[in-house]
Amino acid sequence: ARTATNIRSGAVGPVSGIVQSVFVLLFLLLFAPYASYIPLAAMAP
């Protein structure tokens, strides 16, 4: 599913996968505390 999303979003090479990892890393470093508010019931669906 994520690979298909990558292609539909216009990816042309493997750099998009590297960017994805860097983006998630930045989320972890900058916004991780806010993830504490996410309800488990919101992840279920």
Full PDB file with SEQRES, HELIX, SHEET, SSBOND, CRYST1, ORIGX, SCALE, CONECT and MASTER records, all heavy atoms in Angstrom:
SEQRES   1 A   45  ALA ARG THR ALA THR ASN ILE ARG SER GLY ALA VAL GLY          
SEQRES   2 A   45  PRO VAL SER GLY ILE VAL GLN SER VAL PHE VAL LEU LEU          
SEQRES   3 A   45  PHE LEU LEU LEU PHE ALA PRO TYR ALA SER TYR ILE PRO          
SEQRES   4 A   45  LEU ALA ALA MET ALA PRO                                      
HELIX    1 AA1 ARG A    2  ARG A    8  1                                   7    
HELIX    2 AA2 VAL A   15  PHE A   31  1                                  17    
HELIX    3 AA3 ALA A   32  TYR A   37  5                                   6    
HELIX    4 AA4 LEU A   40  MET A   43  1                                   4    
CRYST1    1.000    1.000    1.000  90.00  90.00  90.00 P 1           1          
ORIGX1      1.000000  0.000000  0.000000        0.00000                         
ORIGX2      0.000000  1.000000  0.000000        0.00000                         
ORIGX3      0.000000  0.000000  1.000000        0.00000                         
SCALE1      1.000000  0.000000  0.000000        0.00000                         
SCALE2      0.000000  1.000000  0.000000        0.00000                         
SCALE3      0.000000  0.000000  1.000000        0.00000                         
ATOM      1  N   ALA A   1       0.828  -1.211   0.000  1.00  0.00           N  
ATOM      2  CA  ALA A   1       0.000   0.000   0.000  1.00  0.00           C  
ATOM      3  C   ALA A   1       0.862   1.261   0.000  1.00  0.00           C  
ATOM      4  O   ALA A   1       0.596   2.214  -0.745  1.00  0.00           O  
ATOM      5  CB  ALA A   1      -0.938  -0.007   1.198  1.00  0.00           C  
ATOM      6  N   ARG A   2       1.898   1.299   0.842  1.00  0.00           N  
ATOM      7  CA  ARG A   2       2.764   2.478   0.886  1.00  0.00           C  
ATOM      8  C   ARG A   2       3.600   2.618  -0.388  1.00  0.00           C  
ATOM      9  O   ARG A   2       3.874   3.729  -0.844  1.00  0.00           O  
ATOM     10  CB  ARG A   2       3.670   2.397   2.122  1.00  0.00           C  
ATOM     11  CG  ARG A   2       3.033   2.972   3.379  1.00  0.00           C  
ATOM     12  CD  ARG A   2       3.713   2.480   4.642  1.00  0.00           C  
ATOM     13  NE  ARG A   2       3.235   1.150   5.026  1.00  0.00           N  
ATOM     14  CZ  ARG A   2       3.786   0.412   5.974  1.00  0.00           C  
ATOM     15  NH1 ARG A   2       4.870   0.837   6.596  1.00  0.00           N  
ATOM     16  NH2 ARG A   2       3.278  -0.760   6.275  1.00  0.00           N  
ATOM     17  N   THR A   3       4.008   1.479  -0.965  1.00  0.00           N  
ATOM     18  CA  THR A   3       4.747   1.533  -2.227  1.00  0.00           C  
ATOM     19  C   THR A   3       3.857   2.088  -3.332  1.00  0.00           C  
ATOM     20  O   THR A   3       4.298   2.911  -4.153  1.00  0.00           O  
ATOM     21  CB  THR A   3       5.249   0.134  -2.613  1.00  0.00           C  
ATOM     22  OG1 THR A   3       6.145  -0.346  -1.589  1.00  0.00           O  
ATOM     23  CG2 THR A   3       5.986   0.157  -3.937  1.00  0.00           C  
ATOM     24  N   ALA A   4       2.602   1.653  -3.370  1.00  0.00           N  
ATOM     25  CA  ALA A   4       1.656   2.171  -4.365  1.00  0.00           C  
ATOM     26  C   ALA A   4       1.413   3.664  -4.156  1.00  0.00           C  
ATOM     27  O   ALA A   4       1.344   4.439  -5.124  1.00  0.00           O  
ATOM     28  CB  ALA A   4       0.344   1.394  -4.284  1.00  0.00           C  
ATOM     29  N   THR A   5       1.290   4.091  -2.900  1.00  0.00           N  
ATOM     30  CA  THR A   5       1.122   5.510  -2.591  1.00  0.00           C  
ATOM     31  C   THR A   5       2.330   6.306  -3.070  1.00  0.00           C  
ATOM     32  O   THR A   5       2.192   7.421  -3.594  1.00  0.00           O  
ATOM     33  CB  THR A   5       0.934   5.703  -1.076  1.00  0.00           C  
ATOM     34  OG1 THR A   5      -0.218   4.978  -0.636  1.00  0.00           O  
ATOM     35  CG2 THR A   5       0.772   7.178  -0.729  1.00  0.00           C  
ATOM     36  N   ASN A   6       3.500   5.735  -2.889  1.00  0.00           N  
ATOM     37  CA  ASN A   6       4.737   6.376  -3.324  1.00  0.00           C  
ATOM     38  C   ASN A   6       4.721   6.649  -4.835  1.00  0.00           C  
ATOM     39  O   ASN A   6       5.054   7.741  -5.291  1.00  0.00           O  
ATOM     40  CB  ASN A   6       5.918   5.465  -2.963  1.00  0.00           C  
ATOM     41  CG  ASN A   6       7.267   6.087  -3.245  1.00  0.00           C  
ATOM     42  OD1 ASN A   6       7.461   7.292  -3.062  1.00  0.00           O  
ATOM     43  ND2 ASN A   6       8.203   5.287  -3.698  1.00  0.00           N  
ATOM     44  N   ILE A   7       4.301   5.639  -5.595  1.00  0.00           N  
ATOM     45  CA  ILE A   7       4.259   5.777  -7.055  1.00  0.00           C  
ATOM     46  C   ILE A   7       3.183   6.773  -7.472  1.00  0.00           C  
ATOM     47  O   ILE A   7       3.414   7.646  -8.327  1.00  0.00           O  
ATOM     48  CB  ILE A   7       4.005   4.407  -7.711  1.00  0.00           C  
ATOM     49  CG1 ILE A   7       5.194   3.478  -7.443  1.00  0.00           C  
ATOM     50  CG2 ILE A   7       3.785   4.550  -9.212  1.00  0.00           C  
ATOM     51  CD1 ILE A   7       4.975   2.045  -7.888  1.00  0.00           C  
ATOM     52  N   ARG A   8       2.010   6.673  -6.864  1.00  0.00           N  
ATOM     53  CA  ARG A   8       0.915   7.601  -7.218  1.00  0.00           C  
ATOM     54  C   ARG A   8       1.252   9.046  -6.864  1.00  0.00           C  
ATOM     55  O   ARG A   8       0.703   9.975  -7.453  1.00  0.00           O  
ATOM     56  CB  ARG A   8      -0.370   7.185  -6.503  1.00  0.00           C  
ATOM     57  CG  ARG A   8      -0.938   5.834  -6.941  1.00  0.00           C  
ATOM     58  CD  ARG A   8      -2.349   5.648  -6.429  1.00  0.00           C  
ATOM     59  NE  ARG A   8      -2.834   4.300  -6.653  1.00  0.00           N  
ATOM     60  CZ  ARG A   8      -2.892   3.356  -5.720  1.00  0.00           C  
ATOM     61  NH1 ARG A   8      -2.503   3.620  -4.488  1.00  0.00           N  
ATOM     62  NH2 ARG A   8      -3.353   2.149  -6.010  1.00  0.00           N  
ATOM     63  N   SER A   9       2.154   9.228  -5.916  1.00  0.00           N  
ATOM     64  CA  SER A   9       2.542  10.575  -5.495  1.00  0.00           C  
ATOM     65  C   SER A   9       3.618  11.171  -6.390  1.00  0.00           C  
ATOM     66  O   SER A   9       4.075  12.293  -6.140  1.00  0.00           O  
ATOM     67  CB  SER A   9       3.030  10.562  -4.037  1.00  0.00           C  
ATOM     68  OG  SER A   9       2.020  10.074  -3.179  1.00  0.00           O  
ATOM     69  N   GLY A  10       4.057  10.404  -7.390  1.00  0.00           N  
ATOM     70  CA  GLY A  10       5.005  10.946  -8.366  1.00  0.00           C  
ATOM     71  C   GLY A  10       6.447  10.547  -8.194  1.00  0.00           C  
ATOM     72  O   GLY A  10       7.339  11.155  -8.802  1.00  0.00           O  
ATOM     73  N   ALA A  11       6.729   9.535  -7.376  1.00  0.00           N  
ATOM     74  CA  ALA A  11       8.119   9.112  -7.155  1.00  0.00           C  
ATOM     75  C   ALA A  11       8.763   8.672  -8.467  1.00  0.00           C  
ATOM     76  O   ALA A  11       8.111   8.074  -9.328  1.00  0.00           O  
ATOM     77  CB  ALA A  11       8.168   7.973  -6.147  1.00  0.00           C  
ATOM     78  N   VAL A  12      10.053   8.973  -8.608  1.00  0.00           N  
ATOM     79  CA  VAL A  12      10.795   8.547  -9.800  1.00  0.00           C  
ATOM     80  C   VAL A  12      11.995   7.676  -9.454  1.00  0.00           C  
ATOM     81  O   VAL A  12      12.639   7.123 -10.341  1.00  0.00           O  
ATOM     82  CB  VAL A  12      11.271   9.769 -10.625  1.00  0.00           C  
ATOM     83  CG1 VAL A  12      10.100  10.521 -11.191  1.00  0.00           C  
ATOM     84  CG2 VAL A  12      12.154  10.683  -9.775  1.00  0.00           C  
ATOM     85  N   GLY A  13      12.315   7.556  -8.164  1.00  0.00           N  
ATOM     86  CA  GLY A  13      13.477   6.762  -7.771  1.00  0.00           C  
ATOM     87  C   GLY A  13      13.478   6.445  -6.291  1.00  0.00           C  
ATOM     88  O   GLY A  13      12.568   6.847  -5.544  1.00  0.00           O  
ATOM     89  N   PRO A  14      14.500   5.756  -5.819  1.00  0.00           N  
ATOM     90  CA  PRO A  14      14.558   5.310  -4.419  1.00  0.00           C  
ATOM     91  C   PRO A  14      14.767   6.435  -3.405  1.00  0.00           C  
ATOM     92  O   PRO A  14      14.622   6.203  -2.210  1.00  0.00           O  
ATOM     93  CB  PRO A  14      15.742   4.337  -4.416  1.00  0.00           C  
ATOM     94  CG  PRO A  14      16.582   4.735  -5.577  1.00  0.00           C  
ATOM     95  CD  PRO A  14      15.627   5.233  -6.617  1.00  0.00           C  
ATOM     96  N   VAL A  15      15.075   7.632  -3.870  1.00  0.00           N  
ATOM     97  CA  VAL A  15      15.284   8.747  -2.936  1.00  0.00           C  
ATOM     98  C   VAL A  15      14.011   9.046  -2.158  1.00  0.00           C  
ATOM     99  O   VAL A  15      14.065   9.491  -1.005  1.00  0.00           O  
ATOM    100  CB  VAL A  15      15.777   9.999  -3.695  1.00  0.00           C  
ATOM    101  CG1 VAL A  15      15.822  11.214  -2.779  1.00  0.00           C  
ATOM    102  CG2 VAL A  15      17.166   9.754  -4.279  1.00  0.00           C  
ATOM    103  N   SER A  16      12.856   8.784  -2.753  1.00  0.00           N  
ATOM    104  CA  SER A  16      11.598   9.035  -2.046  1.00  0.00           C  
ATOM    105  C   SER A  16      11.502   8.185  -0.780  1.00  0.00           C  
ATOM    106  O   SER A  16      10.986   8.641   0.243  1.00  0.00           O  
ATOM    107  CB  SER A  16      10.407   8.739  -2.967  1.00  0.00           C  
ATOM    108  OG  SER A  16      10.431   7.394  -3.403  1.00  0.00           O  
ATOM    109  N   GLY A  17      12.009   6.945  -0.837  1.00  0.00           N  
ATOM    110  CA  GLY A  17      12.026   6.091   0.350  1.00  0.00           C  
ATOM    111  C   GLY A  17      12.943   6.631   1.434  1.00  0.00           C  
ATOM    112  O   GLY A  17      12.649   6.538   2.626  1.00  0.00           O  
ATOM    113  N   ILE A  18      14.059   7.206   1.007  1.00  0.00           N  
ATOM    114  CA  ILE A  18      14.989   7.819   1.959  1.00  0.00           C  
ATOM    115  C   ILE A  18      14.353   9.047   2.601  1.00  0.00           C  
ATOM    116  O   ILE A  18      14.448   9.261   3.819  1.00  0.00           O  
ATOM    117  CB  ILE A  18      16.303   8.203   1.243  1.00  0.00           C  
ATOM    118  CG1 ILE A  18      17.002   6.936   0.731  1.00  0.00           C  
ATOM    119  CG2 ILE A  18      17.221   8.998   2.160  1.00  0.00           C  
ATOM    120  CD1 ILE A  18      18.217   7.197  -0.131  1.00  0.00           C  
ATOM    121  N   VAL A  19      13.683   9.861   1.779  1.00  0.00           N  
ATOM    122  CA  VAL A  19      12.991  11.051   2.293  1.00  0.00           C  
ATOM    123  C   VAL A  19      11.922  10.655   3.302  1.00  0.00           C  
ATOM    124  O   VAL A  19      11.750  11.295   4.339  1.00  0.00           O  
ATOM    125  CB  VAL A  19      12.360  11.851   1.129  1.00  0.00           C  
ATOM    126  CG1 VAL A  19      11.461  12.961   1.661  1.00  0.00           C  
ATOM    127  CG2 VAL A  19      13.450  12.434   0.240  1.00  0.00           C  
ATOM    128  N   GLN A  20      11.185   9.581   2.993  1.00  0.00           N  
ATOM    129  CA  GLN A  20      10.160   9.094   3.918  1.00  0.00           C  
ATOM    130  C   GLN A  20      10.751   8.814   5.292  1.00  0.00           C  
ATOM    131  O   GLN A  20      10.193   9.204   6.322  1.00  0.00           O  
ATOM    132  CB  GLN A  20       9.521   7.817   3.353  1.00  0.00           C  
ATOM    133  CG  GLN A  20       8.485   7.193   4.262  1.00  0.00           C  
ATOM    134  CD  GLN A  20       8.840   5.765   4.693  1.00  0.00           C  
ATOM    135  OE1 GLN A  20       7.983   5.015   5.122  1.00  0.00           O  
ATOM    136  NE2 GLN A  20      10.094   5.386   4.603  1.00  0.00           N  
ATOM    137  N   SER A  21      11.906   8.139   5.311  1.00  0.00           N  
ATOM    138  CA  SER A  21      12.541   7.794   6.588  1.00  0.00           C  
ATOM    139  C   SER A  21      12.987   9.048   7.341  1.00  0.00           C  
ATOM    140  O   SER A  21      12.827   9.146   8.559  1.00  0.00           O  
ATOM    141  CB  SER A  21      13.742   6.877   6.332  1.00  0.00           C  
ATOM    142  OG  SER A  21      13.316   5.640   5.818  1.00  0.00           O  
ATOM    143  N   VAL A  22      13.541   9.998   6.625  1.00  0.00           N  
ATOM    144  CA  VAL A  22      13.988  11.253   7.248  1.00  0.00           C  
ATOM    145  C   VAL A  22      12.788  12.013   7.809  1.00  0.00           C  
ATOM    146  O   VAL A  22      12.852  12.588   8.907  1.00  0.00           O  
ATOM    147  CB  VAL A  22      14.755  12.123   6.228  1.00  0.00           C  
ATOM    148  CG1 VAL A  22      15.072  13.490   6.818  1.00  0.00           C  
ATOM    149  CG2 VAL A  22      16.034  11.427   5.787  1.00  0.00           C  
ATOM    150  N   PHE A  23      11.678  12.015   7.069  1.00  0.00           N  
ATOM    151  CA  PHE A  23      10.459  12.705   7.520  1.00  0.00           C  
ATOM    152  C   PHE A  23       9.938  12.100   8.821  1.00  0.00           C  
ATOM    153  O   PHE A  23       9.585  12.833   9.765  1.00  0.00           O  
ATOM    154  CB  PHE A  23       9.389  12.629   6.437  1.00  0.00           C  
ATOM    155  CG  PHE A  23       8.118  13.348   6.786  1.00  0.00           C  
ATOM    156  CD1 PHE A  23       7.984  14.711   6.579  1.00  0.00           C  
ATOM    157  CD2 PHE A  23       7.042  12.657   7.346  1.00  0.00           C  
ATOM    158  CE1 PHE A  23       6.806  15.377   6.920  1.00  0.00           C  
ATOM    159  CE2 PHE A  23       5.863  13.312   7.684  1.00  0.00           C  
ATOM    160  CZ  PHE A  23       5.753  14.671   7.467  1.00  0.00           C  
ATOM    161  N   VAL A  24       9.888  10.768   8.895  1.00  0.00           N  
ATOM    162  CA  VAL A  24       9.417  10.103  10.114  1.00  0.00           C  
ATOM    163  C   VAL A  24      10.378  10.371  11.268  1.00  0.00           C  
ATOM    164  O   VAL A  24       9.958  10.545  12.413  1.00  0.00           O  
ATOM    165  CB  VAL A  24       9.257   8.581   9.877  1.00  0.00           C  
ATOM    166  CG1 VAL A  24       8.839   7.868  11.167  1.00  0.00           C  
ATOM    167  CG2 VAL A  24       8.227   8.310   8.787  1.00  0.00           C  
ATOM    168  N   LEU A  25      11.675  10.420  10.972  1.00  0.00           N  
ATOM    169  CA  LEU A  25      12.667  10.744  12.004  1.00  0.00           C  
ATOM    170  C   LEU A  25      12.431  12.145  12.563  1.00  0.00           C  
ATOM    171  O   LEU A  25      12.477  12.358  13.789  1.00  0.00           O  
ATOM    172  CB  LEU A  25      14.076  10.641  11.412  1.00  0.00           C  
ATOM    173  CG  LEU A  25      15.231  11.065  12.328  1.00  0.00           C  
ATOM    174  CD1 LEU A  25      15.296  10.191  13.569  1.00  0.00           C  
ATOM    175  CD2 LEU A  25      16.557  11.007  11.564  1.00  0.00           C  
ATOM    176  N   LEU A  26      12.163  13.107  11.682  1.00  0.00           N  
ATOM    177  CA  LEU A  26      11.889  14.480  12.135  1.00  0.00           C  
ATOM    178  C   LEU A  26      10.620  14.528  12.981  1.00  0.00           C  
ATOM    179  O   LEU A  26      10.562  15.255  13.986  1.00  0.00           O  
ATOM    180  CB  LEU A  26      11.759  15.411  10.926  1.00  0.00           C  
ATOM    181  CG  LEU A  26      13.055  15.669  10.137  1.00  0.00           C  
ATOM    182  CD1 LEU A  26      12.773  16.507   8.901  1.00  0.00           C  
ATOM    183  CD2 LEU A  26      14.093  16.351  11.016  1.00  0.00           C  
ATOM    184  N   PHE A  27       9.611  13.753  12.593  1.00  0.00           N  
ATOM    185  CA  PHE A  27       8.391  13.672  13.403  1.00  0.00           C  
ATOM    186  C   PHE A  27       8.714  13.165  14.798  1.00  0.00           C  
ATOM    187  O   PHE A  27       8.216  13.703  15.800  1.00  0.00           O  
ATOM    188  CB  PHE A  27       7.375  12.754  12.725  1.00  0.00           C  
ATOM    189  CG  PHE A  27       6.221  12.378  13.618  1.00  0.00           C  
ATOM    190  CD1 PHE A  27       5.144  13.226  13.779  1.00  0.00           C  
ATOM    191  CD2 PHE A  27       6.231  11.176  14.333  1.00  0.00           C  
ATOM    192  CE1 PHE A  27       4.087  12.893  14.618  1.00  0.00           C  
ATOM    193  CE2 PHE A  27       5.187  10.836  15.173  1.00  0.00           C  
ATOM    194  CZ  PHE A  27       4.105  11.698  15.322  1.00  0.00           C  
ATOM    195  N   LEU A  28       9.550  12.120  14.856  1.00  0.00           N  
ATOM    196  CA  LEU A  28       9.916  11.541  16.147  1.00  0.00           C  
ATOM    197  C   LEU A  28      10.624  12.573  17.027  1.00  0.00           C  
ATOM    198  O   LEU A  28      10.338  12.689  18.226  1.00  0.00           O  
ATOM    199  CB  LEU A  28      10.821  10.322  15.918  1.00  0.00           C  
ATOM    200  CG  LEU A  28      11.308   9.585  17.163  1.00  0.00           C  
ATOM    201  CD1 LEU A  28      10.159   8.854  17.836  1.00  0.00           C  
ATOM    202  CD2 LEU A  28      12.412   8.597  16.800  1.00  0.00           C  
ATOM    203  N   LEU A  29      11.533  13.337  16.448  1.00  0.00           N  
ATOM    204  CA  LEU A  29      12.338  14.290  17.211  1.00  0.00           C  
ATOM    205  C   LEU A  29      11.552  15.541  17.595  1.00  0.00           C  
ATOM    206  O   LEU A  29      11.825  16.153  18.639  1.00  0.00           O  
ATOM    207  CB  LEU A  29      13.576  14.691  16.407  1.00  0.00           C  
ATOM    208  CG  LEU A  29      14.570  13.563  16.089  1.00  0.00           C  
ATOM    209  CD1 LEU A  29      15.715  14.089  15.229  1.00  0.00           C  
ATOM    210  CD2 LEU A  29      15.108  12.931  17.366  1.00  0.00           C  
ATOM    211  N   LEU A  30      10.574  15.936  16.762  1.00  0.00           N  
ATOM    212  CA  LEU A  30       9.888  17.209  16.981  1.00  0.00           C  
ATOM    213  C   LEU A  30       8.509  17.070  17.607  1.00  0.00           C  
ATOM    214  O   LEU A  30       8.094  17.917  18.403  1.00  0.00           O  
ATOM    215  CB  LEU A  30       9.774  17.972  15.648  1.00  0.00           C  
ATOM    216  CG  LEU A  30      11.095  18.331  14.961  1.00  0.00           C  
ATOM    217  CD1 LEU A  30      10.817  18.995  13.610  1.00  0.00           C  
ATOM    218  CD2 LEU A  30      11.939  19.240  15.838  1.00  0.00           C  
ATOM    219  N   PHE A  31       7.784  15.998  17.255  1.00  0.00           N  
ATOM    220  CA  PHE A  31       6.377  15.933  17.651  1.00  0.00           C  
ATOM    221  C   PHE A  31       6.008  14.706  18.475  1.00  0.00           C  
ATOM    222  O   PHE A  31       4.817  14.484  18.733  1.00  0.00           O  
ATOM    223  CB  PHE A  31       5.491  15.971  16.395  1.00  0.00           C  
ATOM    224  CG  PHE A  31       5.684  17.200  15.563  1.00  0.00           C  
ATOM    225  CD1 PHE A  31       6.376  17.132  14.358  1.00  0.00           C  
ATOM    226  CD2 PHE A  31       5.201  18.426  15.976  1.00  0.00           C  
ATOM    227  CE1 PHE A  31       6.569  18.259  13.581  1.00  0.00           C  
ATOM    228  CE2 PHE A  31       5.383  19.572  15.213  1.00  0.00           C  
ATOM    229  CZ  PHE A  31       6.069  19.492  14.009  1.00  0.00           C  
ATOM    230  N   ALA A  32       6.989  13.901  18.859  1.00  0.00           N  
ATOM    231  CA  ALA A  32       6.691  12.667  19.592  1.00  0.00           C  
ATOM    232  C   ALA A  32       5.815  12.880  20.831  1.00  0.00           C  
ATOM    233  O   ALA A  32       4.906  12.074  21.094  1.00  0.00           O  
ATOM    234  CB  ALA A  32       7.993  11.963  19.970  1.00  0.00           C  
ATOM    235  N   PRO A  33       6.034  13.944  21.627  1.00  0.00           N  
ATOM    236  CA  PRO A  33       5.204  14.120  22.836  1.00  0.00           C  
ATOM    237  C   PRO A  33       3.706  14.217  22.531  1.00  0.00           C  
ATOM    238  O   PRO A  33       2.874  13.787  23.331  1.00  0.00           O  
ATOM    239  CB  PRO A  33       5.724  15.430  23.431  1.00  0.00           C  
ATOM    240  CG  PRO A  33       7.128  15.536  22.936  1.00  0.00           C  
ATOM    241  CD  PRO A  33       7.097  14.962  21.553  1.00  0.00           C  
ATOM    242  N   TYR A  34       3.358  14.797  21.371  1.00  0.00           N  
ATOM    243  CA  TYR A  34       1.940  14.960  21.030  1.00  0.00           C  
ATOM    244  C   TYR A  34       1.270  13.625  20.711  1.00  0.00           C  
ATOM    245  O   TYR A  34       0.035  13.511  20.779  1.00  0.00           O  
ATOM    246  CB  TYR A  34       1.791  15.915  19.836  1.00  0.00           C  
ATOM    247  CG  TYR A  34       2.321  17.304  20.127  1.00  0.00           C  
ATOM    248  CD1 TYR A  34       3.549  17.707  19.630  1.00  0.00           C  
ATOM    249  CD2 TYR A  34       1.597  18.198  20.915  1.00  0.00           C  
ATOM    250  CE1 TYR A  34       4.044  18.975  19.896  1.00  0.00           C  
ATOM    251  CE2 TYR A  34       2.092  19.466  21.200  1.00  0.00           C  
ATOM    252  CZ  TYR A  34       3.320  19.854  20.683  1.00  0.00           C  
ATOM    253  OH  TYR A  34       3.804  21.103  20.964  1.00  0.00           O  
ATOM    254  N   ALA A  35       2.066  12.614  20.342  1.00  0.00           N  
ATOM    255  CA  ALA A  35       1.499  11.302  20.036  1.00  0.00           C  
ATOM    256  C   ALA A  35       0.865  10.659  21.269  1.00  0.00           C  
ATOM    257  O   ALA A  35       0.045   9.741  21.149  1.00  0.00           O  
ATOM    258  CB  ALA A  35       2.574  10.382  19.467  1.00  0.00           C  
ATOM    259  N   SER A  36       1.243  11.123  22.445  1.00  0.00           N  
ATOM    260  CA  SER A  36       0.692  10.577  23.685  1.00  0.00           C  
ATOM    261  C   SER A  36      -0.818  10.778  23.783  1.00  0.00           C  
ATOM    262  O   SER A  36      -1.509  10.043  24.493  1.00  0.00           O  
ATOM    263  CB  SER A  36       1.362  11.236  24.898  1.00  0.00           C  
ATOM    264  OG  SER A  36       2.744  10.992  24.900  1.00  0.00           O  
ATOM    265  N   TYR A  37      -1.338  11.790  23.069  1.00  0.00           N  
ATOM    266  CA  TYR A  37      -2.774  12.092  23.145  1.00  0.00           C  
ATOM    267  C   TYR A  37      -3.615  11.221  22.217  1.00  0.00           C  
ATOM    268  O   TYR A  37      -4.844  11.263  22.276  1.00  0.00           O  
ATOM    269  CB  TYR A  37      -3.011  13.568  22.791  1.00  0.00           C  
ATOM    270  CG  TYR A  37      -2.365  14.532  23.748  1.00  0.00           C  
ATOM    271  CD1 TYR A  37      -1.188  15.191  23.401  1.00  0.00           C  
ATOM    272  CD2 TYR A  37      -2.924  14.784  25.002  1.00  0.00           C  
ATOM    273  CE1 TYR A  37      -0.578  16.088  24.268  1.00  0.00           C  
ATOM    274  CE2 TYR A  37      -2.328  15.678  25.887  1.00  0.00           C  
ATOM    275  CZ  TYR A  37      -1.149  16.324  25.514  1.00  0.00           C  
ATOM    276  OH  TYR A  37      -0.555  17.198  26.378  1.00  0.00           O  
ATOM    277  N   ILE A  38      -2.972  10.445  21.349  1.00  0.00           N  
ATOM    278  CA  ILE A  38      -3.720   9.645  20.372  1.00  0.00           C  
ATOM    279  C   ILE A  38      -4.470   8.519  21.083  1.00  0.00           C  
ATOM    280  O   ILE A  38      -3.871   7.678  21.745  1.00  0.00           O  
ATOM    281  CB  ILE A  38      -2.779   9.045  19.317  1.00  0.00           C  
ATOM    282  CG1 ILE A  38      -2.083  10.156  18.526  1.00  0.00           C  
ATOM    283  CG2 ILE A  38      -3.541   8.114  18.374  1.00  0.00           C  
ATOM    284  CD1 ILE A  38      -1.040   9.641  17.542  1.00  0.00           C  
ATOM    285  N   PRO A  39      -5.791   8.459  20.939  1.00  0.00           N  
ATOM    286  CA  PRO A  39      -6.560   7.378  21.571  1.00  0.00           C  
ATOM    287  C   PRO A  39      -6.316   6.047  20.857  1.00  0.00           C  
ATOM    288  O   PRO A  39      -6.190   6.004  19.624  1.00  0.00           O  
ATOM    289  CB  PRO A  39      -8.015   7.823  21.391  1.00  0.00           C  
ATOM    290  CG  PRO A  39      -7.962   9.266  21.017  1.00  0.00           C  
ATOM    291  CD  PRO A  39      -6.669   9.451  20.288  1.00  0.00           C  
ATOM    292  N   LEU A  40      -6.258   4.983  21.612  1.00  0.00           N  
ATOM    293  CA  LEU A  40      -6.127   3.659  20.997  1.00  0.00           C  
ATOM    294  C   LEU A  40      -7.359   3.350  20.145  1.00  0.00           C  
ATOM    295  O   LEU A  40      -7.268   2.642  19.138  1.00  0.00           O  
ATOM    296  CB  LEU A  40      -5.963   2.593  22.080  1.00  0.00           C  
ATOM    297  CG  LEU A  40      -4.712   2.726  22.972  1.00  0.00           C  
ATOM    298  CD1 LEU A  40      -4.653   1.560  23.952  1.00  0.00           C  
ATOM    299  CD2 LEU A  40      -3.447   2.786  22.137  1.00  0.00           C  
ATOM    300  N   ALA A  41      -8.497   3.911  20.529  1.00  0.00           N  
ATOM    301  CA  ALA A  41      -9.731   3.704  19.759  1.00  0.00           C  
ATOM    302  C   ALA A  41      -9.648   4.358  18.382  1.00  0.00           C  
ATOM    303  O   ALA A  41     -10.342   3.936  17.452  1.00  0.00           O  
ATOM    304  CB  ALA A  41     -10.927   4.268  20.527  1.00  0.00           C  
ATOM    305  N   ALA A  42      -8.813   5.387  18.237  1.00  0.00           N  
ATOM    306  CA  ALA A  42      -8.647   6.039  16.940  1.00  0.00           C  
ATOM    307  C   ALA A  42      -7.757   5.215  16.014  1.00  0.00           C  
ATOM    308  O   ALA A  42      -7.841   5.329  14.785  1.00  0.00           O  
ATOM    309  CB  ALA A  42      -8.056   7.437  17.128  1.00  0.00           C  
ATOM    310  N   MET A  43      -6.890   4.379  16.604  1.00  0.00           N  
ATOM    311  CA  MET A  43      -6.003   3.545  15.802  1.00  0.00           C  
ATOM    312  C   MET A  43      -6.705   2.264  15.355  1.00  0.00           C  
ATOM    313  O   MET A  43      -6.331   1.657  14.346  1.00  0.00           O  
ATOM    314  CB  MET A  43      -4.741   3.202  16.592  1.00  0.00           C  
ATOM    315  CG  MET A  43      -4.014   4.422  17.122  1.00  0.00           C  
ATOM    316  SD  MET A  43      -2.346   4.074  17.689  1.00  0.00           S  
ATOM    317  CE  MET A  43      -1.458   4.148  16.156  1.00  0.00           C  
ATOM    318  N   ALA A  44      -7.726   1.854  16.100  1.00  0.00           N  
ATOM    319  CA  ALA A  44      -8.433   0.606  15.778  1.00  0.00           C  
ATOM    320  C   ALA A  44      -9.033   0.608  14.372  1.00  0.00           C  
ATOM    321  O   ALA A  44      -8.827  -0.341  13.609  1.00  0.00           O  
ATOM    322  CB  ALA A  44      -9.503   0.334  16.831  1.00  0.00           C  
ATOM    323  N   PRO A  45      -9.791   1.648  13.976  1.00  0.00           N  
ATOM    324  CA  PRO A  45     -10.362   1.611  12.623  1.00  0.00           C  
ATOM    325  C   PRO A  45      -9.317   1.627  11.517  1.00  0.00           C  
ATOM    326  O   PRO A  45      -9.567   1.099  10.427  1.00  0.00           O  
ATOM    327  CB  PRO A  45     -11.246   2.866  12.574  1.00  0.00           C  
ATOM    328  CG  PRO A  45     -10.794   3.726  13.679  1.00  0.00           C  
ATOM    329  CD  PRO A  45     -10.264   2.821  14.735  1.00  0.00           C  
TER     330      PRO A  45                                                      
MASTER        0    0    0    4    0    0    0    6  329    1    0    4          
END                                                                             
